[in-house]
Amino acid sequence: MVDQQNSADVLKIIGQISELTEKVDALSDRQILSGYQEVSAGDQRPLVKGAGDKYPIVFNMPFKKKPKIIIGLSYLDANTSKQDLRIVAKADQITADGFNLIVKTFKDTEIWGYRAEWLAHGSL
């Protein structure tokens, strides 16, 4: 009786290990890539009144399918003395190989510098 119970417990543990192994394997093909584009005041004219920049980003290792992209601004040099701050940072034309990073203003906003950081995640 004790041997049957031990055998059942061992089989249960083996089943749990198998389930965990499958979950780890499913996560092992996940990839996260990141980068940034920085523009400072000395680099170019300000982004004014709807002007924008487009940067083609090519992944150093392509994804299996179109990844999710997160964009954030970690630095911003703007003239807010005469107008409100209006800026858009987004990913456009996302593919498994890359995307276009778009940074633009609208209305009368002047941006003199920024750092747009991106994070791509998906399956390799």
PDB file of N, CA and C in Angstrom:
ATOM      1  N   MET A   1       0.819  -1.197   0.000  1.00  0.00           N
ATOM      2  CA  MET A   1       0.000   0.000   0.000  1.00  0.00           C
ATOM      3  C   MET A   1       0.862   1.261   0.000  1.00  0.00           C
ATOM      4  N   VAL A   2       1.900   1.250   0.784  1.00  0.00           N
ATOM      5  CA  VAL A   2       2.800   2.397   0.839  1.00  0.00           C
ATOM      6  C   VAL A   2       3.491   2.576  -0.501  1.00  0.00           C
ATOM      7  N   ASP A   3       3.890   1.482  -1.143  1.00  0.00           N
ATOM      8  CA  ASP A   3       4.559   1.561  -2.441  1.00  0.00           C
ATOM      9  C   ASP A   3       3.639   2.135  -3.505  1.00  0.00           C
ATOM     10  N   GLN A   4       2.341   1.759  -3.476  1.00  0.00           N
ATOM     11  CA  GLN A   4       1.398   2.305  -4.449  1.00  0.00           C
ATOM     12  C   GLN A   4       1.224   3.811  -4.239  1.00  0.00           C
ATOM     13  N   GLN A   5       1.134   4.246  -2.989  1.00  0.00           N
ATOM     14  CA  GLN A   5       0.979   5.673  -2.701  1.00  0.00           C
ATOM     15  C   GLN A   5       2.214   6.445  -3.146  1.00  0.00           C
ATOM     16  N   ASN A   6       3.397   5.900  -2.845  1.00  0.00           N
ATOM     17  CA  ASN A   6       4.642   6.552  -3.277  1.00  0.00           C
ATOM     18  C   ASN A   6       4.715   6.632  -4.801  1.00  0.00           C
ATOM     19  N   SER A   7       4.322   5.568  -5.473  1.00  0.00           N
ATOM     20  CA  SER A   7       4.334   5.553  -6.937  1.00  0.00           C
ATOM     21  C   SER A   7       3.375   6.595  -7.490  1.00  0.00           C
ATOM     22  N   ALA A   8       2.203   6.722  -6.889  1.00  0.00           N
ATOM     23  CA  ALA A   8       1.226   7.712  -7.335  1.00  0.00           C
ATOM     24  C   ALA A   8       1.761   9.127  -7.116  1.00  0.00           C
ATOM     25  N   ASP A   9       2.408   9.359  -5.971  1.00  0.00           N
ATOM     26  CA  ASP A   9       2.996  10.677  -5.682  1.00  0.00           C
ATOM     27  C   ASP A   9       4.102  11.010  -6.679  1.00  0.00           C
ATOM     28  N   VAL A  10       4.944  10.036  -6.985  1.00  0.00           N
ATOM     29  CA  VAL A  10       6.033  10.242  -7.931  1.00  0.00           C
ATOM     30  C   VAL A  10       5.464  10.560  -9.315  1.00  0.00           C
ATOM     31  N   LEU A  11       4.442   9.832  -9.740  1.00  0.00           N
ATOM     32  CA  LEU A  11       3.830  10.097 -11.044  1.00  0.00           C
ATOM     33  C   LEU A  11       3.199  11.491 -11.085  1.00  0.00           C
ATOM     34  N   LYS A  12       2.603  11.900  -9.994  1.00  0.00           N
ATOM     35  CA  LYS A  12       2.006  13.232  -9.918  1.00  0.00           C
ATOM     36  C   LYS A  12       3.091  14.304 -10.045  1.00  0.00           C
ATOM     37  N   ILE A  13       4.200  14.110  -9.352  1.00  0.00           N
ATOM     38  CA  ILE A  13       5.309  15.068  -9.417  1.00  0.00           C
ATOM     39  C   ILE A  13       5.901  15.107 -10.819  1.00  0.00           C
ATOM     40  N   ILE A  14       6.053  13.965 -11.446  1.00  0.00           N
ATOM     41  CA  ILE A  14       6.569  13.908 -12.816  1.00  0.00           C
ATOM     42  C   ILE A  14       5.637  14.667 -13.756  1.00  0.00           C
ATOM     43  N   GLY A  15       4.334  14.526 -13.559  1.00  0.00           N
ATOM     44  CA  GLY A  15       3.360  15.259 -14.375  1.00  0.00           C
ATOM     45  C   GLY A  15       3.483  16.762 -14.178  1.00  0.00           C
ATOM     46  N   GLN A  16       3.681  17.194 -12.931  1.00  0.00           N
ATOM     47  CA  GLN A  16       3.846  18.619 -12.644  1.00  0.00           C
ATOM     48  C   GLN A  16       5.131  19.163 -13.270  1.00  0.00           C
ATOM     49  N   ILE A  17       6.197  18.390 -13.193  1.00  0.00           N
ATOM     50  CA  ILE A  17       7.461  18.805 -13.805  1.00  0.00           C
ATOM     51  C   ILE A  17       7.287  18.929 -15.319  1.00  0.00           C
ATOM     52  N   SER A  18       6.583  18.003 -15.910  1.00  0.00           N
ATOM     53  CA  SER A  18       6.340  18.032 -17.345  1.00  0.00           C
ATOM     54  C   SER A  18       5.563  19.290 -17.745  1.00  0.00           C
ATOM     55  N   GLU A  19       4.536  19.625 -16.962  1.00  0.00           N
ATOM     56  CA  GLU A  19       3.754  20.837 -17.232  1.00  0.00           C
ATOM     57  C   GLU A  19       4.623  22.083 -17.128  1.00  0.00           C
ATOM     58  N   LEU A  20       5.460  22.153 -16.098  1.00  0.00           N
ATOM     59  CA  LEU A  20       6.335  23.314 -15.931  1.00  0.00           C
ATOM     60  C   LEU A  20       7.358  23.408 -17.060  1.00  0.00           C
ATOM     61  N   THR A  21       7.871  22.268 -17.497  1.00  0.00           N
ATOM     62  CA  THR A  21       8.818  22.246 -18.607  1.00  0.00           C
ATOM     63  C   THR A  21       8.175  22.788 -19.878  1.00  0.00           C
ATOM     64  N   GLU A  22       6.945  22.423 -20.136  1.00  0.00           N
ATOM     65  CA  GLU A  22       6.227  22.927 -21.310  1.00  0.00           C
ATOM     66  C   GLU A  22       6.050  24.446 -21.227  1.00  0.00           C
ATOM     67  N   LYS A  23       5.734  24.949 -20.032  1.00  0.00           N
ATOM     68  CA  LYS A  23       5.555  26.392 -19.859  1.00  0.00           C
ATOM     69  C   LYS A  23       6.868  27.136 -20.074  1.00  0.00           C
ATOM     70  N   VAL A  24       7.958  26.605 -19.554  1.00  0.00           N
ATOM     71  CA  VAL A  24       9.268  27.227 -19.743  1.00  0.00           C
ATOM     72  C   VAL A  24       9.644  27.211 -21.217  1.00  0.00           C
ATOM     73  N   ASP A  25       9.410  26.091 -21.897  1.00  0.00           N
ATOM     74  CA  ASP A  25       9.712  25.991 -23.330  1.00  0.00           C
ATOM     75  C   ASP A  25       8.915  27.013 -24.134  1.00  0.00           C
ATOM     76  N   ALA A  26       7.656  27.226 -23.750  1.00  0.00           N
ATOM     77  CA  ALA A  26       6.819  28.197 -24.458  1.00  0.00           C
ATOM     78  C   ALA A  26       7.363  29.611 -24.293  1.00  0.00           C
ATOM     79  N   LEU A  27       7.977  29.901 -23.149  1.00  0.00           N
ATOM     80  CA  LEU A  27       8.532  31.230 -22.912  1.00  0.00           C
ATOM     81  C   LEU A  27       9.933  31.398 -23.495  1.00  0.00           C
ATOM     82  N   SER A  28      10.616  30.305 -23.749  1.00  0.00           N
ATOM     83  CA  SER A  28      12.016  30.388 -24.168  1.00  0.00           C
ATOM     84  C   SER A  28      12.195  31.001 -25.553  1.00  0.00           C
ATOM     85  N   ASP A  29      11.160  31.024 -26.370  1.00  0.00           N
ATOM     86  CA  ASP A  29      11.311  31.634 -27.692  1.00  0.00           C
ATOM     87  C   ASP A  29      10.905  33.108 -27.689  1.00  0.00           C
ATOM     88  N   ARG A  30      10.659  33.668 -26.518  1.00  0.00           N
ATOM     89  CA  ARG A  30      10.317  35.084 -26.406  1.00  0.00           C
ATOM     90  C   ARG A  30      11.591  35.908 -26.483  1.00  0.00           C
ATOM     91  N   GLN A  31      11.495  37.044 -27.130  1.00  0.00           N
ATOM     92  CA  GLN A  31      12.653  37.919 -27.264  1.00  0.00           C
ATOM     93  C   GLN A  31      12.245  39.347 -26.972  1.00  0.00           C
ATOM     94  N   ILE A  32      13.141  40.081 -26.346  1.00  0.00           N
ATOM     95  CA  ILE A  32      12.940  41.500 -26.101  1.00  0.00           C
ATOM     96  C   ILE A  32      14.142  42.235 -26.679  1.00  0.00           C
ATOM     97  N   LEU A  33      13.886  43.189 -27.536  1.00  0.00           N
ATOM     98  CA  LEU A  33      14.923  44.036 -28.113  1.00  0.00           C
ATOM     99  C   LEU A  33      14.613  45.480 -27.754  1.00  0.00           C
ATOM    100  N   SER A  34      15.645  46.306 -27.635  1.00  0.00           N
ATOM    101  CA  SER A  34      15.415  47.709 -27.286  1.00  0.00           C
ATOM    102  C   SER A  34      16.438  48.598 -27.962  1.00  0.00           C
ATOM    103  N   GLY A  35      16.128  49.874 -27.981  1.00  0.00           N
ATOM    104  CA  GLY A  35      17.034  50.856 -28.557  1.00  0.00           C
ATOM    105  C   GLY A  35      16.485  52.255 -28.334  1.00  0.00           C
ATOM    106  N   TYR A  36      17.157  53.235 -28.923  1.00  0.00           N
ATOM    107  CA  TYR A  36      16.697  54.609 -28.781  1.00  0.00           C
ATOM    108  C   TYR A  36      17.177  55.452 -29.953  1.00  0.00           C
ATOM    109  N   GLN A  37      16.545  56.597 -30.104  1.00  0.00           N
ATOM    110  CA  GLN A  37      16.957  57.617 -31.064  1.00  0.00           C
ATOM    111  C   GLN A  37      17.002  58.928 -30.307  1.00  0.00           C
ATOM    112  N   GLU A  38      18.131  59.596 -30.361  1.00  0.00           N
ATOM    113  CA  GLU A  38      18.285  60.845 -29.617  1.00  0.00           C
ATOM    114  C   GLU A  38      18.620  61.983 -30.563  1.00  0.00           C
ATOM    115  N   VAL A  39      17.984  63.126 -30.339  1.00  0.00           N
ATOM    116  CA  VAL A  39      18.237  64.341 -31.093  1.00  0.00           C
ATOM    117  C   VAL A  39      18.471  65.435 -30.071  1.00  0.00           C
ATOM    118  N   SER A  40      19.578  66.165 -30.204  1.00  0.00           N
ATOM    119  CA  SER A  40      19.827  67.272 -29.277  1.00  0.00           C
ATOM    120  C   SER A  40      19.814  68.586 -30.035  1.00  0.00           C
ATOM    121  N   ALA A  41      19.756  69.677 -29.306  1.00  0.00           N
ATOM    122  CA  ALA A  41      19.565  71.002 -29.895  1.00  0.00           C
ATOM    123  C   ALA A  41      20.590  71.310 -30.983  1.00  0.00           C
ATOM    124  N   GLY A  42      21.817  70.858 -30.841  1.00  0.00           N
ATOM    125  CA  GLY A  42      22.835  71.156 -31.831  1.00  0.00           C
ATOM    126  C   GLY A  42      22.733  70.321 -33.101  1.00  0.00           C
ATOM    127  N   ASP A  43      21.907  69.276 -33.082  1.00  0.00           N
ATOM    128  CA  ASP A  43      21.843  68.348 -34.209  1.00  0.00           C
ATOM    129  C   ASP A  43      21.064  68.876 -35.410  1.00  0.00           C
ATOM    130  N   GLN A  44      20.035  69.670 -35.171  1.00  0.00           N
ATOM    131  CA  GLN A  44      19.165  70.060 -36.283  1.00  0.00           C
ATOM    132  C   GLN A  44      18.267  71.212 -35.874  1.00  0.00           C
ATOM    133  N   ARG A  45      17.396  71.605 -36.794  1.00  0.00           N
ATOM    134  CA  ARG A  45      16.399  72.631 -36.511  1.00  0.00           C
ATOM    135  C   ARG A  45      15.388  72.098 -35.511  1.00  0.00           C
ATOM    136  N   PRO A  46      14.661  72.989 -34.847  1.00  0.00           N
ATOM    137  CA  PRO A  46      13.634  72.464 -33.940  1.00  0.00           C
ATOM    138  C   PRO A  46      12.492  71.826 -34.732  1.00  0.00           C
ATOM    139  N   LEU A  47      11.803  70.919 -34.083  1.00  0.00           N
ATOM    140  CA  LEU A  47      10.574  70.374 -34.670  1.00  0.00           C
ATOM    141  C   LEU A  47       9.481  71.385 -34.365  1.00  0.00           C
ATOM    142  N   VAL A  48       8.921  72.010 -35.392  1.00  0.00           N
ATOM    143  CA  VAL A  48       7.963  73.090 -35.186  1.00  0.00           C
ATOM    144  C   VAL A  48       6.712  72.861 -36.029  1.00  0.00           C
ATOM    145  N   LYS A  49       5.562  73.125 -35.434  1.00  0.00           N
ATOM    146  CA  LYS A  49       4.282  73.181 -36.132  1.00  0.00           C
ATOM    147  C   LYS A  49       4.046  72.005 -37.075  1.00  0.00           C
ATOM    148  N   GLY A  50       3.961  70.837 -36.512  1.00  0.00           N
ATOM    149  CA  GLY A  50       3.611  69.669 -37.309  1.00  0.00           C
ATOM    150  C   GLY A  50       4.791  68.978 -37.957  1.00  0.00           C
ATOM    151  N   ALA A  51       5.976  69.512 -37.754  1.00  0.00           N
ATOM    152  CA  ALA A  51       7.161  68.852 -38.323  1.00  0.00           C
ATOM    153  C   ALA A  51       7.413  67.557 -37.571  1.00  0.00           C
ATOM    154  N   GLY A  52       8.141  66.662 -38.200  1.00  0.00           N
ATOM    155  CA  GLY A  52       8.419  65.402 -37.538  1.00  0.00           C
ATOM    156  C   GLY A  52       9.644  64.718 -38.100  1.00  0.00           C
ATOM    157  N   ASP A  53      10.073  63.706 -37.391  1.00  0.00           N
ATOM    158  CA  ASP A  53      11.201  62.885 -37.807  1.00  0.00           C
ATOM    159  C   ASP A  53      10.735  61.444 -37.923  1.00  0.00           C
ATOM    160  N   LYS A  54      11.314  60.744 -38.902  1.00  0.00           N
ATOM    161  CA  LYS A  54      11.018  59.328 -39.083  1.00  0.00           C
ATOM    162  C   LYS A  54      12.348  58.586 -39.150  1.00  0.00           C
ATOM    163  N   TYR A  55      12.490  57.573 -38.291  1.00  0.00           N
ATOM    164  CA  TYR A  55      13.711  56.785 -38.233  1.00  0.00           C
ATOM    165  C   TYR A  55      13.380  55.322 -38.510  1.00  0.00           C
ATOM    166  N   PRO A  56      13.921  54.745 -39.575  1.00  0.00           N
ATOM    167  CA  PRO A  56      13.713  53.315 -39.807  1.00  0.00           C
ATOM    168  C   PRO A  56      14.541  52.513 -38.798  1.00  0.00           C
ATOM    169  N   ILE A  57      13.892  51.641 -38.061  1.00  0.00           N
ATOM    170  CA  ILE A  57      14.550  50.780 -37.076  1.00  0.00           C
ATOM    171  C   ILE A  57      14.544  49.358 -37.643  1.00  0.00           C
ATOM    172  N   VAL A  58      15.707  48.751 -37.755  1.00  0.00           N
ATOM    173  CA  VAL A  58      15.828  47.378 -38.246  1.00  0.00           C
ATOM    174  C   VAL A  58      16.327  46.518 -37.086  1.00  0.00           C
ATOM    175  N   PHE A  59      15.583  45.458 -36.767  1.00  0.00           N
ATOM    176  CA  PHE A  59      15.972  44.572 -35.670  1.00  0.00           C
ATOM    177  C   PHE A  59      17.216  43.783 -36.056  1.00  0.00           C
ATOM    178  N   ASN A  60      18.126  43.595 -35.100  1.00  0.00           N
ATOM    179  CA  ASN A  60      19.329  42.806 -35.393  1.00  0.00           C
ATOM    180  C   ASN A  60      19.017  41.316 -35.473  1.00  0.00           C
ATOM    181  N   MET A  61      17.854  40.926 -34.974  1.00  0.00           N
ATOM    182  CA  MET A  61      17.386  39.546 -35.074  1.00  0.00           C
ATOM    183  C   MET A  61      15.879  39.604 -35.323  1.00  0.00           C
ATOM    184  N   PRO A  62      15.402  39.192 -36.498  1.00  0.00           N
ATOM    185  CA  PRO A  62      13.972  39.326 -36.792  1.00  0.00           C
ATOM    186  C   PRO A  62      13.107  38.438 -35.895  1.00  0.00           C
ATOM    187  N   PHE A  63      11.885  38.890 -35.685  1.00  0.00           N
ATOM    188  CA  PHE A  63      10.897  38.131 -34.927  1.00  0.00           C
ATOM    189  C   PHE A  63      10.179  37.161 -35.866  1.00  0.00           C
ATOM    190  N   LYS A  64       9.498  36.156 -35.306  1.00  0.00           N
ATOM    191  CA  LYS A  64       8.703  35.227 -36.125  1.00  0.00           C
ATOM    192  C   LYS A  64       7.508  35.935 -36.748  1.00  0.00           C
ATOM    193  N   LYS A  65       6.916  36.824 -35.974  1.00  0.00           N
ATOM    194  CA  LYS A  65       5.783  37.606 -36.461  1.00  0.00           C
ATOM    195  C   LYS A  65       5.902  39.015 -35.897  1.00  0.00           C
ATOM    196  N   LYS A  66       5.015  39.871 -36.305  1.00  0.00           N
ATOM    197  CA  LYS A  66       5.052  41.270 -35.899  1.00  0.00           C
ATOM    198  C   LYS A  66       5.067  41.391 -34.368  1.00  0.00           C
ATOM    199  N   PRO A  67       6.094  42.036 -33.793  1.00  0.00           N
ATOM    200  CA  PRO A  67       6.163  42.172 -32.340  1.00  0.00           C
ATOM    201  C   PRO A  67       5.313  43.339 -31.834  1.00  0.00           C
ATOM    202  N   LYS A  68       5.142  43.393 -30.562  1.00  0.00           N
ATOM    203  CA  LYS A  68       4.533  44.554 -29.908  1.00  0.00           C
ATOM    204  C   LYS A  68       5.652  45.568 -29.671  1.00  0.00           C
ATOM    205  N   ILE A  69       5.346  46.852 -29.822  1.00  0.00           N
ATOM    206  CA  ILE A  69       6.337  47.913 -29.658  1.00  0.00           C
ATOM    207  C   ILE A  69       5.842  48.888 -28.588  1.00  0.00           C
ATOM    208  N   ILE A  70       6.738  49.250 -27.686  1.00  0.00           N
ATOM    209  CA  ILE A  70       6.455  50.262 -26.671  1.00  0.00           C
ATOM    210  C   ILE A  70       7.424  51.421 -26.914  1.00  0.00           C
ATOM    211  N   ILE A  71       6.897  52.644 -26.968  1.00  0.00           N
ATOM    212  CA  ILE A  71       7.709  53.841 -27.189  1.00  0.00           C
ATOM    213  C   ILE A  71       7.579  54.746 -25.973  1.00  0.00           C
ATOM    214  N   GLY A  72       8.677  55.330 -25.557  1.00  0.00           N
ATOM    215  CA  GLY A  72       8.648  56.279 -24.448  1.00  0.00           C
ATOM    216  C   GLY A  72       9.647  57.402 -24.673  1.00  0.00           C
ATOM    217  N   LEU A  73       9.381  58.552 -24.102  1.00  0.00           N
ATOM    218  CA  LEU A  73      10.307  59.677 -24.156  1.00  0.00           C
ATOM    219  C   LEU A  73      10.998  59.792 -22.801  1.00  0.00           C
ATOM    220  N   SER A  74      12.339  59.732 -22.794  1.00  0.00           N
ATOM    221  CA  SER A  74      13.070  59.831 -21.534  1.00  0.00           C
ATOM    222  C   SER A  74      13.798  61.167 -21.399  1.00  0.00           C
ATOM    223  N   TYR A  75      13.802  61.969 -22.472  1.00  0.00           N
ATOM    224  CA  TYR A  75      14.419  63.293 -22.447  1.00  0.00           C
ATOM    225  C   TYR A  75      13.643  64.172 -23.408  1.00  0.00           C
ATOM    226  N   LEU A  76      13.379  65.406 -22.989  1.00  0.00           N
ATOM    227  CA  LEU A  76      12.636  66.330 -23.840  1.00  0.00           C
ATOM    228  C   LEU A  76      13.106  67.746 -23.558  1.00  0.00           C
ATOM    229  N   ASP A  77      13.570  68.444 -24.593  1.00  0.00           N
ATOM    230  CA  ASP A  77      13.982  69.837 -24.510  1.00  0.00           C
ATOM    231  C   ASP A  77      12.980  70.629 -25.335  1.00  0.00           C
ATOM    232  N   ALA A  78      12.117  71.389 -24.662  1.00  0.00           N
ATOM    233  CA  ALA A  78      11.023  72.074 -25.358  1.00  0.00           C
ATOM    234  C   ALA A  78      10.889  73.503 -24.864  1.00  0.00           C
ATOM    235  N   ASN A  79      10.459  74.372 -25.766  1.00  0.00           N
ATOM    236  CA  ASN A  79      10.152  75.757 -25.429  1.00  0.00           C
ATOM    237  C   ASN A  79       8.671  75.825 -25.078  1.00  0.00           C
ATOM    238  N   THR A  80       8.374  75.988 -23.813  1.00  0.00           N
ATOM    239  CA  THR A  80       6.970  76.051 -23.374  1.00  0.00           C
ATOM    240  C   THR A  80       6.600  77.451 -22.870  1.00  0.00           C
ATOM    241  N   SER A  81       7.451  78.449 -23.137  1.00  0.00           N
ATOM    242  CA  SER A  81       7.170  79.796 -22.642  1.00  0.00           C
ATOM    243  C   SER A  81       6.035  80.478 -23.404  1.00  0.00           C
ATOM    244  N   LYS A  82       5.829  80.098 -24.670  1.00  0.00           N
ATOM    245  CA  LYS A  82       4.819  80.763 -25.494  1.00  0.00           C
ATOM    246  C   LYS A  82       3.697  79.838 -25.957  1.00  0.00           C
ATOM    247  N   GLN A  83       3.840  78.549 -25.736  1.00  0.00           N
ATOM    248  CA  GLN A  83       2.834  77.615 -26.225  1.00  0.00           C
ATOM    249  C   GLN A  83       2.776  76.369 -25.343  1.00  0.00           C
ATOM    250  N   ASP A  84       1.749  75.584 -25.564  1.00  0.00           N
ATOM    251  CA  ASP A  84       1.608  74.313 -24.850  1.00  0.00           C
ATOM    252  C   ASP A  84       2.541  73.281 -25.472  1.00  0.00           C
ATOM    253  N   LEU A  85       2.787  72.221 -24.741  1.00  0.00           N
ATOM    254  CA  LEU A  85       3.647  71.142 -25.216  1.00  0.00           C
ATOM    255  C   LEU A  85       2.795  70.081 -25.894  1.00  0.00           C
ATOM    256  N   ARG A  86       3.101  69.813 -27.166  1.00  0.00           N
ATOM    257  CA  ARG A  86       2.358  68.812 -27.936  1.00  0.00           C
ATOM    258  C   ARG A  86       3.373  67.985 -28.720  1.00  0.00           C
ATOM    259  N   ILE A  87       3.439  66.693 -28.420  1.00  0.00           N
ATOM    260  CA  ILE A  87       4.394  65.825 -29.101  1.00  0.00           C
ATOM    261  C   ILE A  87       3.812  64.420 -29.206  1.00  0.00           C
ATOM    262  N   VAL A  88       4.123  63.755 -30.295  1.00  0.00           N
ATOM    263  CA  VAL A  88       3.692  62.377 -30.529  1.00  0.00           C
ATOM    264  C   VAL A  88       4.941  61.547 -30.803  1.00  0.00           C
ATOM    265  N   ALA A  89       5.061  60.414 -30.129  1.00  0.00           N
ATOM    266  CA  ALA A  89       6.121  59.439 -30.411  1.00  0.00           C
ATOM    267  C   ALA A  89       5.416  58.103 -30.596  1.00  0.00           C
ATOM    268  N   LYS A  90       5.618  57.483 -31.769  1.00  0.00           N
ATOM    269  CA  LYS A  90       4.885  56.252 -32.053  1.00  0.00           C
ATOM    270  C   LYS A  90       5.665  55.348 -32.994  1.00  0.00           C
ATOM    271  N   ALA A  91       5.266  54.094 -33.042  1.00  0.00           N
ATOM    272  CA  ALA A  91       5.799  53.117 -33.989  1.00  0.00           C
ATOM    273  C   ALA A  91       4.813  53.017 -35.150  1.00  0.00           C
ATOM    274  N   ASP A  92       5.350  52.964 -36.374  1.00  0.00           N
ATOM    275  CA  ASP A  92       4.527  52.898 -37.571  1.00  0.00           C
ATOM    276  C   ASP A  92       5.105  51.830 -38.498  1.00  0.00           C
ATOM    277  N   GLN A  93       4.267  51.222 -39.299  1.00  0.00           N
ATOM    278  CA  GLN A  93       4.677  50.200 -40.276  1.00  0.00           C
ATOM    279  C   GLN A  93       5.510  49.095 -39.617  1.00  0.00           C
ATOM    280  N   ILE A  94       4.956  48.514 -38.567  1.00  0.00           N
ATOM    281  CA  ILE A  94       5.645  47.470 -37.804  1.00  0.00           C
ATOM    282  C   ILE A  94       5.618  46.160 -38.588  1.00  0.00           C
ATOM    283  N   THR A  95       6.796  45.537 -38.721  1.00  0.00           N
ATOM    284  CA  THR A  95       6.915  44.214 -39.333  1.00  0.00           C
ATOM    285  C   THR A  95       7.786  43.352 -38.425  1.00  0.00           C
ATOM    286  N   ALA A  96       7.970  42.103 -38.806  1.00  0.00           N
ATOM    287  CA  ALA A  96       8.844  41.205 -38.045  1.00  0.00           C
ATOM    288  C   ALA A  96      10.304  41.640 -38.122  1.00  0.00           C
ATOM    289  N   ASP A  97      10.647  42.461 -39.123  1.00  0.00           N
ATOM    290  CA  ASP A  97      12.029  42.898 -39.326  1.00  0.00           C
ATOM    291  C   ASP A  97      12.348  44.269 -38.751  1.00  0.00           C
ATOM    292  N   GLY A  98      11.328  45.072 -38.443  1.00  0.00           N
ATOM    293  CA  GLY A  98      11.580  46.409 -37.928  1.00  0.00           C
ATOM    294  C   GLY A  98      10.334  47.276 -37.964  1.00  0.00           C
ATOM    295  N   PHE A  99      10.540  48.584 -37.816  1.00  0.00           N
ATOM    296  CA  PHE A  99       9.421  49.531 -37.808  1.00  0.00           C
ATOM    297  C   PHE A  99       9.978  50.931 -38.055  1.00  0.00           C
ATOM    298  N   ASN A 100       9.099  51.884 -38.238  1.00  0.00           N
ATOM    299  CA  ASN A 100       9.477  53.291 -38.322  1.00  0.00           C
ATOM    300  C   ASN A 100       9.139  53.957 -36.999  1.00  0.00           C
ATOM    301  N   LEU A 101      10.129  54.603 -36.411  1.00  0.00           N
ATOM    302  CA  LEU A 101       9.932  55.388 -35.196  1.00  0.00           C
ATOM    303  C   LEU A 101       9.591  56.808 -35.634  1.00  0.00           C
ATOM    304  N   ILE A 102       8.432  57.282 -35.236  1.00  0.00           N
ATOM    305  CA  ILE A 102       7.951  58.609 -35.622  1.00  0.00           C
ATOM    306  C   ILE A 102       7.916  59.499 -34.382  1.00  0.00           C
ATOM    307  N   VAL A 103       8.520  60.676 -34.497  1.00  0.00           N
ATOM    308  CA  VAL A 103       8.435  61.690 -33.441  1.00  0.00           C
ATOM    309  C   VAL A 103       8.030  62.978 -34.125  1.00  0.00           C
ATOM    310  N   LYS A 104       6.905  63.562 -33.700  1.00  0.00           N
ATOM    311  CA  LYS A 104       6.452  64.792 -34.349  1.00  0.00           C
ATOM    312  C   LYS A 104       5.716  65.683 -33.365  1.00  0.00           C
ATOM    313  N   THR A 105       5.601  66.953 -33.742  1.00  0.00           N
ATOM    314  CA  THR A 105       4.870  67.929 -32.948  1.00  0.00           C
ATOM    315  C   THR A 105       3.596  68.309 -33.703  1.00  0.00           C
ATOM    316  N   PHE A 106       2.761  69.078 -33.045  1.00  0.00           N
ATOM    317  CA  PHE A 106       1.626  69.662 -33.744  1.00  0.00           C
ATOM    318  C   PHE A 106       1.285  70.998 -33.114  1.00  0.00           C
ATOM    319  N   LYS A 107       0.460  71.738 -33.804  1.00  0.00           N
ATOM    320  CA  LYS A 107       0.140  73.128 -33.466  1.00  0.00           C
ATOM    321  C   LYS A 107       1.436  73.938 -33.501  1.00  0.00           C
ATOM    322  N   ASP A 108       1.726  74.733 -32.460  1.00  0.00           N
ATOM    323  CA  ASP A 108       2.891  75.624 -32.486  1.00  0.00           C
ATOM    324  C   ASP A 108       4.024  75.170 -31.563  1.00  0.00           C
ATOM    325  N   THR A 109       4.073  73.905 -31.220  1.00  0.00           N
ATOM    326  CA  THR A 109       5.086  73.383 -30.308  1.00  0.00           C
ATOM    327  C   THR A 109       6.475  73.375 -30.942  1.00  0.00           C
ATOM    328  N   GLU A 110       7.476  73.794 -30.165  1.00  0.00           N
ATOM    329  CA  GLU A 110       8.873  73.732 -30.577  1.00  0.00           C
ATOM    330  C   GLU A 110       9.605  72.733 -29.690  1.00  0.00           C
ATOM    331  N   ILE A 111      10.178  71.716 -30.298  1.00  0.00           N
ATOM    332  CA  ILE A 111      10.978  70.713 -29.594  1.00  0.00           C
ATOM    333  C   ILE A 111      12.416  70.865 -30.095  1.00  0.00           C
ATOM    334  N   TRP A 112      13.358  71.045 -29.190  1.00  0.00           N
ATOM    335  CA  TRP A 112      14.760  71.213 -29.568  1.00  0.00           C
ATOM    336  C   TRP A 112      15.571  69.947 -29.372  1.00  0.00           C
ATOM    337  N   GLY A 113      15.069  69.044 -28.597  1.00  0.00           N
ATOM    338  CA  GLY A 113      15.788  67.790 -28.397  1.00  0.00           C
ATOM    339  C   GLY A 113      14.894  66.763 -27.733  1.00  0.00           C
ATOM    340  N   TYR A 114      15.213  65.499 -27.943  1.00  0.00           N
ATOM    341  CA  TYR A 114      14.453  64.410 -27.322  1.00  0.00           C
ATOM    342  C   TYR A 114      15.251  63.126 -27.384  1.00  0.00           C
ATOM    343  N   ARG A 115      14.838  62.203 -26.573  1.00  0.00           N
ATOM    344  CA  ARG A 115      15.346  60.828 -26.636  1.00  0.00           C
ATOM    345  C   ARG A 115      14.117  59.940 -26.622  1.00  0.00           C
ATOM    346  N   ALA A 116      13.876  59.254 -27.740  1.00  0.00           N
ATOM    347  CA  ALA A 116      12.746  58.337 -27.866  1.00  0.00           C
ATOM    348  C   ALA A 116      13.296  56.915 -27.718  1.00  0.00           C
ATOM    349  N   GLU A 117      12.853  56.206 -26.691  1.00  0.00           N
ATOM    350  CA  GLU A 117      13.315  54.848 -26.440  1.00  0.00           C
ATOM    351  C   GLU A 117      12.225  53.874 -26.849  1.00  0.00           C
ATOM    352  N   TRP A 118      12.639  52.702 -27.356  1.00  0.00           N
ATOM    353  CA  TRP A 118      11.675  51.706 -27.806  1.00  0.00           C
ATOM    354  C   TRP A 118      12.031  50.332 -27.250  1.00  0.00           C
ATOM    355  N   LEU A 119      10.987  49.540 -27.101  1.00  0.00           N
ATOM    356  CA  LEU A 119      11.109  48.171 -26.625  1.00  0.00           C
ATOM    357  C   LEU A 119      10.214  47.315 -27.512  1.00  0.00           C
ATOM    358  N   ALA A 120      10.774  46.287 -28.121  1.00  0.00           N
ATOM    359  CA  ALA A 120      10.009  45.359 -28.964  1.00  0.00           C
ATOM    360  C   ALA A 120      10.011  43.997 -28.294  1.00  0.00           C
ATOM    361  N   HIS A 121       8.844  43.364 -28.219  1.00  0.00           N
ATOM    362  CA  HIS A 121       8.794  42.032 -27.621  1.00  0.00           C
ATOM    363  C   HIS A 121       7.878  41.128 -28.430  1.00  0.00           C
ATOM    364  N   GLY A 122       8.301  39.871 -28.540  1.00  0.00           N
ATOM    365  CA  GLY A 122       7.546  38.893 -29.308  1.00  0.00           C
ATOM    366  C   GLY A 122       8.322  37.594 -29.415  1.00  0.00           C
ATOM    367  N   SER A 123       7.933  36.739 -30.338  1.00  0.00           N
ATOM    368  CA  SER A 123       8.567  35.440 -30.514  1.00  0.00           C
ATOM    369  C   SER A 123       9.631  35.494 -31.601  1.00  0.00           C
ATOM    370  N   LEU A 124      10.756  34.848 -31.307  1.00  0.00           N
ATOM    371  CA  LEU A 124      11.820  34.729 -32.314  1.00  0.00           C
ATOM    372  C   LEU A 124      11.624  33.482 -33.138  1.00  0.00           C
TER     373      LEU A 124
END
